[in-house]
Amino acid sequence: MIADVKLDVSTRTIYRKKVDKLRNSGIIPGVIFGKGFDSLPVQVNSKDFEKVYKKIHGTSMFELNVDGKPLKALIHSLQRDKISRKVLHIDFLKVDLKERVSVEVPLVMVGHSPLEEAGLGILSQQTMSLHVKCLPEDIPDEIKVDRSFIQTKEGVIHAADVELPQGVTLASEAEREKIIAAFMIARIQEPKKEEVITEEEAPPAE
C-alpha cells in the first residue's frame, strides 16, 4: 500500500556516541539503505516522524524527502528505548516499485471458532505478525486469520494455512512452519467441598 504522506529528513553528519545530543534535542538519527543504493545517514524531527508513523502503520510505502529530493521508502525497522519506548534509531528502506520487498505485516484474528462458541476453550494467538514478500504497491496493512479454520481440540493454525492477499507470499520456508494460533481446552473446576464441622470442633455456645 502507498500512503499519501511525506516525511522530510536531512543528511546526518553526527555519528556514534554524539548522536545522543541529537536525541536530546528532539532529533532521531537514522539511515537509508536499499538495493543498488549507498547507505545514507539521515536525521528527522521526532514529532514529524511520529505524526507520519501513525498514518502509515509501519507497513505502507511513503515519500521520503532527503534534503528536498524525493524517493519512495518503507520503515524497515525501529530501535526503541526499553523503558521510555522513545524511538532511538530508524532504518529506512529505499524501494524500487518493480522489486519485491520483505516486510513484517501484523495479523488480525477474524471469524468465529465453533469450539469457542461451544464453550470448550479458547483460541490462543501465538504469533502477532508474519514476514512476507511482495511488490511495494501490494503490501497489505494487515493479514486476516480465520478462527473457523480450527475444527478440533487438537487443531492449530500454521502460517502455511493462512490465506494471503494476491501477490503476497511468505518470506521463507521457515516462516511457513510458524504456529499462528492454537486451541486451548477449558479447565473444568471441581466444585468446592463443603466443610463439615463436628460437634467436638464446633465453637462453644455463648
N, C-alpha and C. Protein backbone atom coordinates (compact mmCIF):
# COMPACT_ATOMS: atom_id res chain seq x y z
N MET A 1 0.84 -1.19 0.00
CA MET A 1 0.00 0.00 0.00
C MET A 1 0.88 1.25 0.00
N ILE A 2 0.43 2.29 -0.74
CA ILE A 2 1.17 3.54 -0.78
C ILE A 2 0.38 4.59 0.00
N ALA A 3 1.00 5.15 1.02
CA ALA A 3 0.34 6.18 1.82
C ALA A 3 0.62 7.55 1.22
N ASP A 4 -0.39 8.40 1.23
CA ASP A 4 -0.24 9.74 0.68
C ASP A 4 0.33 10.68 1.75
N VAL A 5 1.53 10.38 2.19
CA VAL A 5 2.20 11.19 3.20
C VAL A 5 3.65 11.42 2.80
N LYS A 6 4.22 12.47 3.33
CA LYS A 6 5.61 12.80 3.05
C LYS A 6 6.34 13.05 4.36
N LEU A 7 7.61 12.72 4.38
CA LEU A 7 8.44 12.93 5.56
C LEU A 7 9.76 13.57 5.13
N ASP A 8 10.07 14.70 5.74
CA ASP A 8 11.32 15.39 5.43
C ASP A 8 12.44 14.92 6.34
N VAL A 9 13.55 14.52 5.74
CA VAL A 9 14.75 14.16 6.51
C VAL A 9 15.93 14.92 5.90
N SER A 10 17.00 14.99 6.66
CA SER A 10 18.20 15.66 6.16
C SER A 10 19.42 14.78 6.39
N THR A 11 20.44 15.00 5.60
CA THR A 11 21.68 14.24 5.73
C THR A 11 22.28 14.46 7.11
N ARG A 12 22.74 13.38 7.72
CA ARG A 12 23.30 13.44 9.08
C ARG A 12 24.83 13.43 9.03
N THR A 13 25.43 14.31 9.81
CA THR A 13 26.90 14.39 9.88
C THR A 13 27.41 14.05 11.27
N ILE A 14 26.50 13.71 12.19
CA ILE A 14 26.88 13.36 13.56
C ILE A 14 26.71 11.85 13.73
N TYR A 15 27.74 11.19 14.30
CA TYR A 15 27.72 9.74 14.39
C TYR A 15 28.08 9.25 15.80
N ARG A 16 27.92 7.94 15.97
CA ARG A 16 28.31 7.21 17.18
C ARG A 16 27.76 7.84 18.45
N LYS A 17 28.60 8.02 19.46
CA LYS A 17 28.14 8.48 20.77
C LYS A 17 27.55 9.89 20.75
N LYS A 18 27.95 10.67 19.75
CA LYS A 18 27.49 12.06 19.69
C LYS A 18 26.00 12.16 19.30
N VAL A 19 25.42 11.04 18.83
CA VAL A 19 24.02 11.12 18.40
C VAL A 19 23.08 11.34 19.59
N ASP A 20 23.57 11.10 20.82
CA ASP A 20 22.74 11.37 22.00
C ASP A 20 22.36 12.85 22.06
N LYS A 21 23.24 13.71 21.58
CA LYS A 21 22.94 15.14 21.56
C LYS A 21 21.76 15.41 20.61
N LEU A 22 21.71 14.68 19.51
CA LEU A 22 20.59 14.82 18.58
C LEU A 22 19.29 14.41 19.26
N ARG A 23 19.31 13.26 19.90
CA ARG A 23 18.10 12.74 20.55
C ARG A 23 17.61 13.70 21.63
N ASN A 24 18.54 14.26 22.39
CA ASN A 24 18.16 15.19 23.46
C ASN A 24 17.54 16.47 22.91
N SER A 25 17.80 16.76 21.65
CA SER A 25 17.24 17.97 21.03
C SER A 25 16.01 17.66 20.18
N GLY A 26 15.48 16.43 20.31
CA GLY A 26 14.27 16.07 19.59
C GLY A 26 14.49 15.60 18.17
N ILE A 27 15.70 15.13 17.88
CA ILE A 27 16.04 14.63 16.54
C ILE A 27 16.35 13.13 16.62
N ILE A 28 15.82 12.37 15.68
CA ILE A 28 16.07 10.93 15.64
C ILE A 28 17.07 10.61 14.53
N PRO A 29 18.16 9.92 14.85
CA PRO A 29 19.10 9.51 13.81
C PRO A 29 18.56 8.31 13.05
N GLY A 30 18.99 8.17 11.81
CA GLY A 30 18.55 7.03 11.01
C GLY A 30 19.48 6.79 9.85
N VAL A 31 19.11 5.84 9.01
CA VAL A 31 19.90 5.53 7.83
C VAL A 31 18.97 5.05 6.73
N ILE A 32 19.29 5.40 5.49
CA ILE A 32 18.53 4.92 4.33
C ILE A 32 19.41 3.90 3.60
N PHE A 33 18.85 2.74 3.29
CA PHE A 33 19.61 1.74 2.53
C PHE A 33 18.68 1.10 1.51
N GLY A 34 19.23 0.36 0.59
CA GLY A 34 18.43 -0.31 -0.42
C GLY A 34 19.31 -0.94 -1.49
N LYS A 35 18.71 -1.77 -2.32
CA LYS A 35 19.43 -2.45 -3.38
C LYS A 35 19.99 -1.44 -4.38
N GLY A 36 21.31 -1.50 -4.60
CA GLY A 36 21.95 -0.59 -5.52
C GLY A 36 21.99 0.85 -5.05
N PHE A 37 21.86 1.02 -3.71
CA PHE A 37 21.85 2.37 -3.14
C PHE A 37 22.86 2.43 -2.01
N ASP A 38 23.77 3.42 -2.06
CA ASP A 38 24.76 3.58 -0.98
C ASP A 38 24.07 4.08 0.28
N SER A 39 24.29 3.37 1.39
CA SER A 39 23.66 3.74 2.65
C SER A 39 23.93 5.21 2.99
N LEU A 40 22.88 5.88 3.44
CA LEU A 40 22.98 7.32 3.72
C LEU A 40 22.49 7.62 5.13
N PRO A 41 23.37 8.11 6.02
CA PRO A 41 22.93 8.52 7.37
C PRO A 41 22.05 9.76 7.28
N VAL A 42 20.91 9.73 7.98
CA VAL A 42 19.98 10.87 7.95
C VAL A 42 19.49 11.16 9.37
N GLN A 43 18.74 12.24 9.50
CA GLN A 43 18.12 12.60 10.77
C GLN A 43 16.75 13.21 10.49
N VAL A 44 15.84 13.06 11.47
CA VAL A 44 14.47 13.53 11.27
C VAL A 44 13.92 14.06 12.59
N ASN A 45 13.09 15.08 12.50
CA ASN A 45 12.44 15.63 13.68
C ASN A 45 11.51 14.58 14.27
N SER A 46 11.62 14.33 15.57
CA SER A 46 10.86 13.25 16.21
C SER A 46 9.35 13.47 16.13
N LYS A 47 8.89 14.71 16.28
CA LYS A 47 7.45 14.99 16.23
C LYS A 47 6.91 14.74 14.82
N ASP A 48 7.68 15.16 13.82
CA ASP A 48 7.27 14.93 12.43
C ASP A 48 7.18 13.44 12.13
N PHE A 49 8.16 12.69 12.64
CA PHE A 49 8.16 11.25 12.38
C PHE A 49 6.97 10.56 13.03
N GLU A 50 6.66 10.90 14.28
CA GLU A 50 5.55 10.25 14.99
C GLU A 50 4.23 10.50 14.28
N LYS A 51 4.04 11.70 13.74
CA LYS A 51 2.80 12.01 13.01
C LYS A 51 2.66 11.12 11.78
N VAL A 52 3.76 10.97 11.04
CA VAL A 52 3.74 10.15 9.84
C VAL A 52 3.59 8.67 10.18
N TYR A 53 4.27 8.22 11.22
CA TYR A 53 4.26 6.80 11.59
C TYR A 53 2.86 6.33 11.97
N LYS A 54 2.07 7.21 12.60
CA LYS A 54 0.70 6.85 12.96
C LYS A 54 -0.16 6.63 11.73
N LYS A 55 0.17 7.31 10.64
CA LYS A 55 -0.62 7.20 9.42
C LYS A 55 -0.22 6.00 8.57
N ILE A 56 1.05 5.63 8.60
CA ILE A 56 1.50 4.55 7.71
C ILE A 56 1.48 3.19 8.39
N HIS A 57 1.31 3.14 9.71
CA HIS A 57 1.21 1.89 10.46
C HIS A 57 2.43 0.98 10.27
N GLY A 58 3.52 1.53 9.78
CA GLY A 58 4.75 0.77 9.67
C GLY A 58 4.85 -0.12 8.45
N THR A 59 3.77 -0.29 7.67
CA THR A 59 3.82 -1.19 6.51
C THR A 59 3.59 -0.48 5.18
N SER A 60 3.17 0.76 5.19
CA SER A 60 2.87 1.47 3.94
C SER A 60 4.09 2.18 3.39
N MET A 61 4.16 2.22 2.07
CA MET A 61 5.21 2.97 1.42
C MET A 61 4.83 4.45 1.40
N PHE A 62 5.80 5.32 1.52
CA PHE A 62 5.54 6.75 1.56
C PHE A 62 6.68 7.50 0.88
N GLU A 63 6.51 8.82 0.77
CA GLU A 63 7.55 9.62 0.12
C GLU A 63 8.49 10.19 1.17
N LEU A 64 9.77 9.93 0.98
CA LEU A 64 10.81 10.43 1.87
C LEU A 64 11.58 11.52 1.13
N ASN A 65 11.54 12.73 1.66
CA ASN A 65 12.26 13.84 1.04
C ASN A 65 13.61 14.02 1.73
N VAL A 66 14.66 13.70 1.00
CA VAL A 66 16.02 13.78 1.55
C VAL A 66 16.68 15.06 1.05
N ASP A 67 16.76 16.03 1.93
CA ASP A 67 17.29 17.35 1.54
C ASP A 67 16.55 17.87 0.30
N GLY A 68 15.24 17.62 0.27
CA GLY A 68 14.43 18.12 -0.84
C GLY A 68 14.29 17.18 -2.02
N LYS A 69 15.05 16.07 -2.03
CA LYS A 69 14.97 15.12 -3.14
C LYS A 69 14.08 13.94 -2.73
N PRO A 70 12.97 13.70 -3.46
CA PRO A 70 12.03 12.65 -3.09
C PRO A 70 12.46 11.25 -3.51
N LEU A 71 12.10 10.27 -2.67
CA LEU A 71 12.27 8.86 -3.02
C LEU A 71 11.21 8.06 -2.27
N LYS A 72 10.88 6.89 -2.79
CA LYS A 72 9.90 6.02 -2.15
C LYS A 72 10.61 5.16 -1.10
N ALA A 73 9.99 5.04 0.07
CA ALA A 73 10.65 4.31 1.15
C ALA A 73 9.63 3.59 2.04
N LEU A 74 10.18 2.66 2.82
CA LEU A 74 9.43 1.95 3.85
C LEU A 74 10.18 2.08 5.17
N ILE A 75 9.45 1.94 6.29
CA ILE A 75 10.13 1.83 7.57
C ILE A 75 10.55 0.37 7.71
N HIS A 76 11.84 0.10 7.63
CA HIS A 76 12.31 -1.28 7.72
C HIS A 76 12.33 -1.76 9.16
N SER A 77 12.84 -0.92 10.06
CA SER A 77 12.88 -1.29 11.48
C SER A 77 13.08 -0.05 12.35
N LEU A 78 12.65 -0.17 13.60
CA LEU A 78 12.82 0.89 14.59
C LEU A 78 13.55 0.35 15.80
N GLN A 79 14.39 1.17 16.39
CA GLN A 79 15.02 0.83 17.65
C GLN A 79 14.43 1.75 18.71
N ARG A 80 13.85 1.16 19.77
CA ARG A 80 13.22 1.95 20.82
C ARG A 80 13.90 1.76 22.16
N ASP A 81 13.78 2.76 23.01
CA ASP A 81 14.26 2.66 24.39
C ASP A 81 13.36 1.66 25.13
N LYS A 82 13.95 0.73 25.86
CA LYS A 82 13.18 -0.32 26.52
C LYS A 82 12.23 0.22 27.58
N ILE A 83 12.57 1.33 28.18
CA ILE A 83 11.74 1.88 29.26
C ILE A 83 10.78 2.96 28.74
N SER A 84 11.32 3.98 28.12
CA SER A 84 10.50 5.10 27.67
C SER A 84 9.76 4.83 26.37
N ARG A 85 10.23 3.83 25.58
CA ARG A 85 9.67 3.46 24.27
C ARG A 85 9.88 4.54 23.22
N LYS A 86 10.74 5.50 23.51
CA LYS A 86 11.05 6.53 22.51
C LYS A 86 11.88 5.91 21.38
N VAL A 87 11.66 6.40 20.17
CA VAL A 87 12.41 5.89 19.02
C VAL A 87 13.84 6.41 19.08
N LEU A 88 14.81 5.49 19.04
CA LEU A 88 16.22 5.84 19.12
C LEU A 88 16.89 5.87 17.75
N HIS A 89 16.39 5.05 16.83
CA HIS A 89 17.02 4.96 15.52
C HIS A 89 16.02 4.39 14.52
N ILE A 90 16.09 4.83 13.27
CA ILE A 90 15.18 4.38 12.22
C ILE A 90 15.97 3.87 11.03
N ASP A 91 15.60 2.70 10.53
CA ASP A 91 16.15 2.18 9.27
C ASP A 91 15.09 2.36 8.19
N PHE A 92 15.40 3.22 7.21
CA PHE A 92 14.51 3.42 6.06
C PHE A 92 14.98 2.54 4.91
N LEU A 93 14.05 1.88 4.24
CA LEU A 93 14.39 1.06 3.08
C LEU A 93 13.93 1.78 1.82
N LYS A 94 14.88 2.14 0.95
CA LYS A 94 14.54 2.72 -0.35
C LYS A 94 14.02 1.60 -1.24
N VAL A 95 12.86 1.82 -1.84
CA VAL A 95 12.25 0.75 -2.61
C VAL A 95 12.18 1.08 -4.09
N ASP A 96 12.21 0.00 -4.87
CA ASP A 96 12.00 0.07 -6.31
C ASP A 96 10.63 -0.55 -6.55
N LEU A 97 9.73 0.17 -7.19
CA LEU A 97 8.37 -0.31 -7.39
C LEU A 97 8.31 -1.64 -8.14
N LYS A 98 9.39 -1.98 -8.85
CA LYS A 98 9.40 -3.22 -9.63
C LYS A 98 10.09 -4.37 -8.89
N GLU A 99 10.62 -4.09 -7.70
CA GLU A 99 11.34 -5.11 -6.94
C GLU A 99 10.53 -5.54 -5.72
N ARG A 100 10.41 -6.86 -5.50
CA ARG A 100 9.72 -7.37 -4.31
C ARG A 100 10.52 -7.05 -3.06
N VAL A 101 9.81 -6.76 -1.98
CA VAL A 101 10.46 -6.44 -0.71
C VAL A 101 9.96 -7.40 0.37
N SER A 102 10.75 -7.56 1.41
CA SER A 102 10.37 -8.38 2.56
C SER A 102 9.95 -7.46 3.69
N VAL A 103 8.72 -7.63 4.16
CA VAL A 103 8.20 -6.77 5.22
C VAL A 103 7.48 -7.61 6.27
N GLU A 104 7.31 -7.03 7.44
CA GLU A 104 6.58 -7.68 8.53
C GLU A 104 5.19 -7.07 8.62
N VAL A 105 4.16 -7.91 8.51
CA VAL A 105 2.77 -7.44 8.48
C VAL A 105 2.02 -8.01 9.68
N PRO A 106 1.26 -7.18 10.40
CA PRO A 106 0.51 -7.66 11.57
C PRO A 106 -0.62 -8.61 11.18
N LEU A 107 -0.95 -9.53 12.09
CA LEU A 107 -2.03 -10.49 11.90
C LEU A 107 -3.25 -10.08 12.72
N VAL A 108 -4.43 -10.30 12.15
CA VAL A 108 -5.68 -9.99 12.84
C VAL A 108 -6.59 -11.22 12.79
N MET A 109 -7.03 -11.69 13.95
CA MET A 109 -7.92 -12.84 14.01
C MET A 109 -9.34 -12.40 13.68
N VAL A 110 -10.02 -13.13 12.77
CA VAL A 110 -11.38 -12.80 12.38
C VAL A 110 -12.23 -14.08 12.40
N GLY A 111 -13.55 -13.90 12.24
CA GLY A 111 -14.44 -15.05 12.19
C GLY A 111 -14.75 -15.61 13.56
N HIS A 112 -15.36 -16.79 13.57
CA HIS A 112 -15.79 -17.41 14.82
C HIS A 112 -15.31 -18.86 14.88
N SER A 113 -14.90 -19.27 16.05
CA SER A 113 -14.48 -20.65 16.26
C SER A 113 -15.65 -21.44 16.83
N PRO A 114 -16.07 -22.52 16.17
CA PRO A 114 -17.18 -23.33 16.69
C PRO A 114 -16.86 -23.93 18.06
N LEU A 115 -15.60 -24.21 18.31
CA LEU A 115 -15.22 -24.78 19.60
C LEU A 115 -15.34 -23.74 20.71
N GLU A 116 -14.96 -22.50 20.40
CA GLU A 116 -15.10 -21.44 21.39
C GLU A 116 -16.57 -21.17 21.68
N GLU A 117 -17.39 -21.15 20.63
CA GLU A 117 -18.82 -20.89 20.81
C GLU A 117 -19.49 -21.99 21.62
N ALA A 118 -18.93 -23.20 21.56
CA ALA A 118 -19.48 -24.31 22.34
C ALA A 118 -18.97 -24.29 23.78
N GLY A 119 -18.10 -23.34 24.10
CA GLY A 119 -17.60 -23.23 25.46
C GLY A 119 -16.55 -24.26 25.82
N LEU A 120 -15.88 -24.83 24.80
CA LEU A 120 -14.91 -25.89 25.06
C LEU A 120 -13.50 -25.36 25.33
N GLY A 121 -13.30 -24.07 25.12
CA GLY A 121 -11.98 -23.48 25.34
C GLY A 121 -11.84 -22.19 24.56
N ILE A 122 -10.59 -21.75 24.39
CA ILE A 122 -10.33 -20.51 23.67
C ILE A 122 -9.22 -20.72 22.63
N LEU A 123 -9.23 -19.86 21.64
CA LEU A 123 -8.18 -19.89 20.63
C LEU A 123 -7.09 -18.91 21.04
N SER A 124 -5.89 -19.40 21.24
CA SER A 124 -4.79 -18.57 21.71
C SER A 124 -3.89 -18.16 20.54
N GLN A 125 -3.76 -16.86 20.30
CA GLN A 125 -2.90 -16.38 19.22
C GLN A 125 -1.45 -16.42 19.67
N GLN A 126 -0.61 -17.11 18.91
CA GLN A 126 0.79 -17.32 19.27
C GLN A 126 1.75 -16.40 18.53
N THR A 127 1.36 -15.97 17.34
CA THR A 127 2.22 -15.12 16.50
C THR A 127 1.44 -13.88 16.10
N MET A 128 2.05 -12.70 16.28
CA MET A 128 1.36 -11.44 16.03
C MET A 128 1.60 -10.86 14.64
N SER A 129 2.60 -11.37 13.93
CA SER A 129 2.90 -10.83 12.60
C SER A 129 3.63 -11.88 11.77
N LEU A 130 3.67 -11.65 10.46
CA LEU A 130 4.36 -12.55 9.55
C LEU A 130 5.28 -11.76 8.63
N HIS A 131 6.41 -12.37 8.27
CA HIS A 131 7.30 -11.78 7.28
C HIS A 131 6.87 -12.28 5.91
N VAL A 132 6.55 -11.35 5.03
CA VAL A 132 6.09 -11.71 3.69
C VAL A 132 6.89 -10.96 2.63
N LYS A 133 6.75 -11.44 1.39
CA LYS A 133 7.38 -10.78 0.25
C LYS A 133 6.32 -10.38 -0.76
N CYS A 134 6.48 -9.19 -1.33
CA CYS A 134 5.56 -8.72 -2.36
C CYS A 134 6.10 -7.43 -2.97
N LEU A 135 5.46 -6.97 -4.01
CA LEU A 135 5.81 -5.67 -4.57
C LEU A 135 5.37 -4.58 -3.59
N PRO A 136 6.08 -3.46 -3.54
CA PRO A 136 5.74 -2.39 -2.60
C PRO A 136 4.28 -1.96 -2.67
N GLU A 137 3.71 -1.93 -3.86
CA GLU A 137 2.31 -1.49 -4.00
C GLU A 137 1.32 -2.53 -3.49
N ASP A 138 1.78 -3.77 -3.27
CA ASP A 138 0.89 -4.84 -2.81
C ASP A 138 0.98 -5.10 -1.31
N ILE A 139 1.76 -4.31 -0.59
CA ILE A 139 1.93 -4.54 0.86
C ILE A 139 0.60 -4.32 1.58
N PRO A 140 0.08 -5.35 2.27
CA PRO A 140 -1.19 -5.19 2.99
C PRO A 140 -0.98 -4.50 4.33
N ASP A 141 -2.02 -3.80 4.80
CA ASP A 141 -1.96 -3.19 6.13
C ASP A 141 -1.97 -4.26 7.21
N GLU A 142 -2.69 -5.35 6.93
CA GLU A 142 -2.81 -6.45 7.87
C GLU A 142 -3.15 -7.72 7.11
N ILE A 143 -2.98 -8.86 7.77
CA ILE A 143 -3.35 -10.15 7.20
C ILE A 143 -4.37 -10.79 8.13
N LYS A 144 -5.51 -11.20 7.57
CA LYS A 144 -6.58 -11.77 8.38
C LYS A 144 -6.41 -13.28 8.52
N VAL A 145 -6.66 -13.77 9.73
CA VAL A 145 -6.57 -15.20 10.03
C VAL A 145 -7.95 -15.66 10.49
N ASP A 146 -8.54 -16.63 9.80
CA ASP A 146 -9.90 -17.08 10.09
C ASP A 146 -9.90 -18.08 11.25
N ARG A 147 -10.61 -17.73 12.33
CA ARG A 147 -10.69 -18.60 13.50
C ARG A 147 -11.37 -19.94 13.19
N SER A 148 -12.29 -19.94 12.25
CA SER A 148 -13.07 -21.15 11.97
C SER A 148 -12.23 -22.26 11.35
N PHE A 149 -10.97 -21.97 11.00
CA PHE A 149 -10.10 -23.00 10.44
C PHE A 149 -9.92 -24.15 11.42
N ILE A 150 -9.90 -23.83 12.71
CA ILE A 150 -9.71 -24.88 13.73
C ILE A 150 -11.06 -25.53 14.04
N GLN A 151 -11.15 -26.83 13.77
CA GLN A 151 -12.38 -27.58 13.95
C GLN A 151 -12.28 -28.64 15.05
N THR A 152 -11.06 -28.94 15.49
CA THR A 152 -10.86 -29.96 16.52
C THR A 152 -10.07 -29.39 17.69
N LYS A 153 -10.15 -30.06 18.83
CA LYS A 153 -9.47 -29.60 20.04
C LYS A 153 -7.95 -29.63 19.89
N GLU A 154 -7.46 -30.48 18.98
CA GLU A 154 -6.02 -30.58 18.77
C GLU A 154 -5.55 -29.66 17.65
N GLY A 155 -6.46 -28.88 17.09
CA GLY A 155 -6.15 -28.09 15.91
C GLY A 155 -5.24 -26.90 16.17
N VAL A 156 -4.43 -26.58 15.18
CA VAL A 156 -3.58 -25.38 15.21
C VAL A 156 -3.63 -24.73 13.83
N ILE A 157 -3.30 -23.47 13.78
CA ILE A 157 -3.19 -22.76 12.51
C ILE A 157 -1.73 -22.42 12.27
N HIS A 158 -1.15 -22.95 11.20
CA HIS A 158 0.21 -22.61 10.82
C HIS A 158 0.19 -21.47 9.81
N ALA A 159 1.32 -20.83 9.65
CA ALA A 159 1.41 -19.74 8.67
C ALA A 159 1.05 -20.23 7.28
N ALA A 160 1.40 -21.47 6.97
CA ALA A 160 1.11 -22.04 5.66
C ALA A 160 -0.40 -22.18 5.43
N ASP A 161 -1.20 -22.17 6.50
CA ASP A 161 -2.65 -22.31 6.38
C ASP A 161 -3.35 -20.98 6.12
N VAL A 162 -2.64 -19.88 6.31
CA VAL A 162 -3.25 -18.56 6.20
C VAL A 162 -3.41 -18.17 4.73
N GLU A 163 -4.59 -17.67 4.39
CA GLU A 163 -4.84 -17.21 3.02
C GLU A 163 -4.26 -15.81 2.86
N LEU A 164 -3.23 -15.68 2.02
CA LEU A 164 -2.55 -14.40 1.83
C LEU A 164 -3.19 -13.63 0.67
N PRO A 165 -3.10 -12.30 0.72
CA PRO A 165 -3.63 -11.49 -0.39
C PRO A 165 -2.89 -11.82 -1.69
N GLN A 166 -3.53 -11.51 -2.80
CA GLN A 166 -2.93 -11.78 -4.11
C GLN A 166 -1.60 -11.04 -4.26
N GLY A 167 -0.59 -11.75 -4.76
CA GLY A 167 0.73 -11.16 -4.97
C GLY A 167 1.62 -11.20 -3.75
N VAL A 168 1.11 -11.75 -2.64
CA VAL A 168 1.87 -11.80 -1.38
C VAL A 168 2.24 -13.24 -1.07
N THR A 169 3.49 -13.49 -0.72
CA THR A 169 3.95 -14.83 -0.33
C THR A 169 4.73 -14.73 0.97
N LEU A 170 4.87 -15.86 1.65
CA LEU A 170 5.68 -15.89 2.87
C LEU A 170 7.14 -15.69 2.49
N ALA A 171 7.88 -15.02 3.38
CA ALA A 171 9.24 -14.62 3.05
C ALA A 171 10.21 -15.79 3.00
N SER A 172 9.90 -16.90 3.69
CA SER A 172 10.83 -18.03 3.72
C SER A 172 10.09 -19.32 4.04
N GLU A 173 10.75 -20.45 3.83
CA GLU A 173 10.17 -21.75 4.17
C GLU A 173 10.00 -21.88 5.67
N ALA A 174 10.94 -21.32 6.43
CA ALA A 174 10.86 -21.38 7.90
C ALA A 174 9.61 -20.66 8.40
N GLU A 175 9.21 -19.62 7.69
CA GLU A 175 8.03 -18.86 8.10
C GLU A 175 6.76 -19.71 7.99
N ARG A 176 6.74 -20.65 7.05
CA ARG A 176 5.57 -21.49 6.83
C ARG A 176 5.21 -22.33 8.06
N GLU A 177 6.22 -22.70 8.83
CA GLU A 177 6.00 -23.60 9.97
C GLU A 177 5.58 -22.87 11.24
N LYS A 178 5.55 -21.57 11.22
CA LYS A 178 5.17 -20.82 12.42
C LYS A 178 3.73 -21.15 12.83
N ILE A 179 3.52 -21.34 14.13
CA ILE A 179 2.17 -21.57 14.65
C ILE A 179 1.53 -20.21 14.93
N ILE A 180 0.43 -19.94 14.25
CA ILE A 180 -0.26 -18.67 14.40
C ILE A 180 -1.20 -18.70 15.60
N ALA A 181 -1.96 -19.79 15.72
CA ALA A 181 -2.92 -19.91 16.83
C ALA A 181 -3.13 -21.37 17.16
N ALA A 182 -3.50 -21.63 18.41
CA ALA A 182 -3.76 -23.00 18.86
C ALA A 182 -4.95 -22.99 19.80
N PHE A 183 -5.68 -24.10 19.82
CA PHE A 183 -6.86 -24.19 20.69
C PHE A 183 -6.44 -24.63 22.09
N MET A 184 -6.94 -23.92 23.08
CA MET A 184 -6.64 -24.24 24.48
C MET A 184 -7.92 -24.75 25.14
N ILE A 185 -7.90 -26.00 25.59
CA ILE A 185 -9.08 -26.61 26.20
C ILE A 185 -9.37 -25.95 27.54
N ALA A 186 -10.64 -25.67 27.79
CA ALA A 186 -11.04 -25.03 29.06
C ALA A 186 -10.86 -26.00 30.20
N ARG A 187 -10.36 -25.50 31.31
CA ARG A 187 -10.20 -26.33 32.50
C ARG A 187 -11.51 -26.37 33.28
N ILE A 188 -11.92 -27.55 33.64
CA ILE A 188 -13.17 -27.71 34.40
C ILE A 188 -12.82 -27.70 35.88
N GLN A 189 -13.32 -26.71 36.58
CA GLN A 189 -13.03 -26.60 38.01
C GLN A 189 -14.00 -27.48 38.82
N GLU A 190 -13.44 -28.26 39.71
CA GLU A 190 -14.28 -29.10 40.56
C GLU A 190 -14.95 -28.25 41.62
N PRO A 191 -16.21 -28.54 41.93
CA PRO A 191 -16.89 -27.76 42.97
C PRO A 191 -16.20 -27.92 44.32
N LYS A 192 -16.16 -26.84 45.07
CA LYS A 192 -15.53 -26.90 46.39
C LYS A 192 -16.35 -27.77 47.34
N LYS A 193 -15.64 -28.60 48.11
CA LYS A 193 -16.30 -29.46 49.09
C LYS A 193 -16.74 -28.63 50.28
N GLU A 194 -17.98 -28.91 50.74
CA GLU A 194 -18.47 -28.19 51.90
C GLU A 194 -17.74 -28.66 53.14
N GLU A 195 -17.38 -27.71 53.99
CA GLU A 195 -16.65 -28.05 55.22
C GLU A 195 -17.63 -28.51 56.27
N VAL A 196 -17.39 -29.72 56.80
CA VAL A 196 -18.26 -30.29 57.83
C VAL A 196 -17.61 -30.10 59.18
N ILE A 197 -18.31 -29.48 60.09
CA ILE A 197 -17.79 -29.21 61.42
C ILE A 197 -18.41 -30.21 62.40
N THR A 198 -17.56 -30.99 63.06
CA THR A 198 -18.06 -31.97 64.02
C THR A 198 -18.42 -31.29 65.32
N GLU A 199 -19.08 -32.03 66.15
CA GLU A 199 -19.53 -31.46 67.43
C GLU A 199 -18.35 -31.05 68.29
N GLU A 200 -17.23 -31.84 68.22
CA GLU A 200 -16.05 -31.52 69.02
C GLU A 200 -15.38 -30.24 68.52
N GLU A 201 -15.49 -29.98 67.18
CA GLU A 201 -14.81 -28.82 66.60
C GLU A 201 -15.65 -27.56 66.67
N ALA A 202 -16.93 -27.74 66.94
CA ALA A 202 -17.82 -26.59 66.92
C ALA A 202 -17.47 -25.63 68.05
N PRO A 203 -17.54 -24.31 67.81
CA PRO A 203 -17.23 -23.34 68.88
C PRO A 203 -18.27 -23.40 69.97
N PRO A 204 -17.85 -23.15 71.20
CA PRO A 204 -18.80 -23.23 72.33
C PRO A 204 -19.86 -22.15 72.22
N ALA A 205 -21.10 -22.54 72.62
CA ALA A 205 -22.21 -21.59 72.58
C ALA A 205 -22.01 -20.54 73.66
N GLU A 206 -22.33 -19.29 73.32
CA GLU A 206 -22.18 -18.20 74.30
C GLU A 206 -23.41 -18.07 75.15
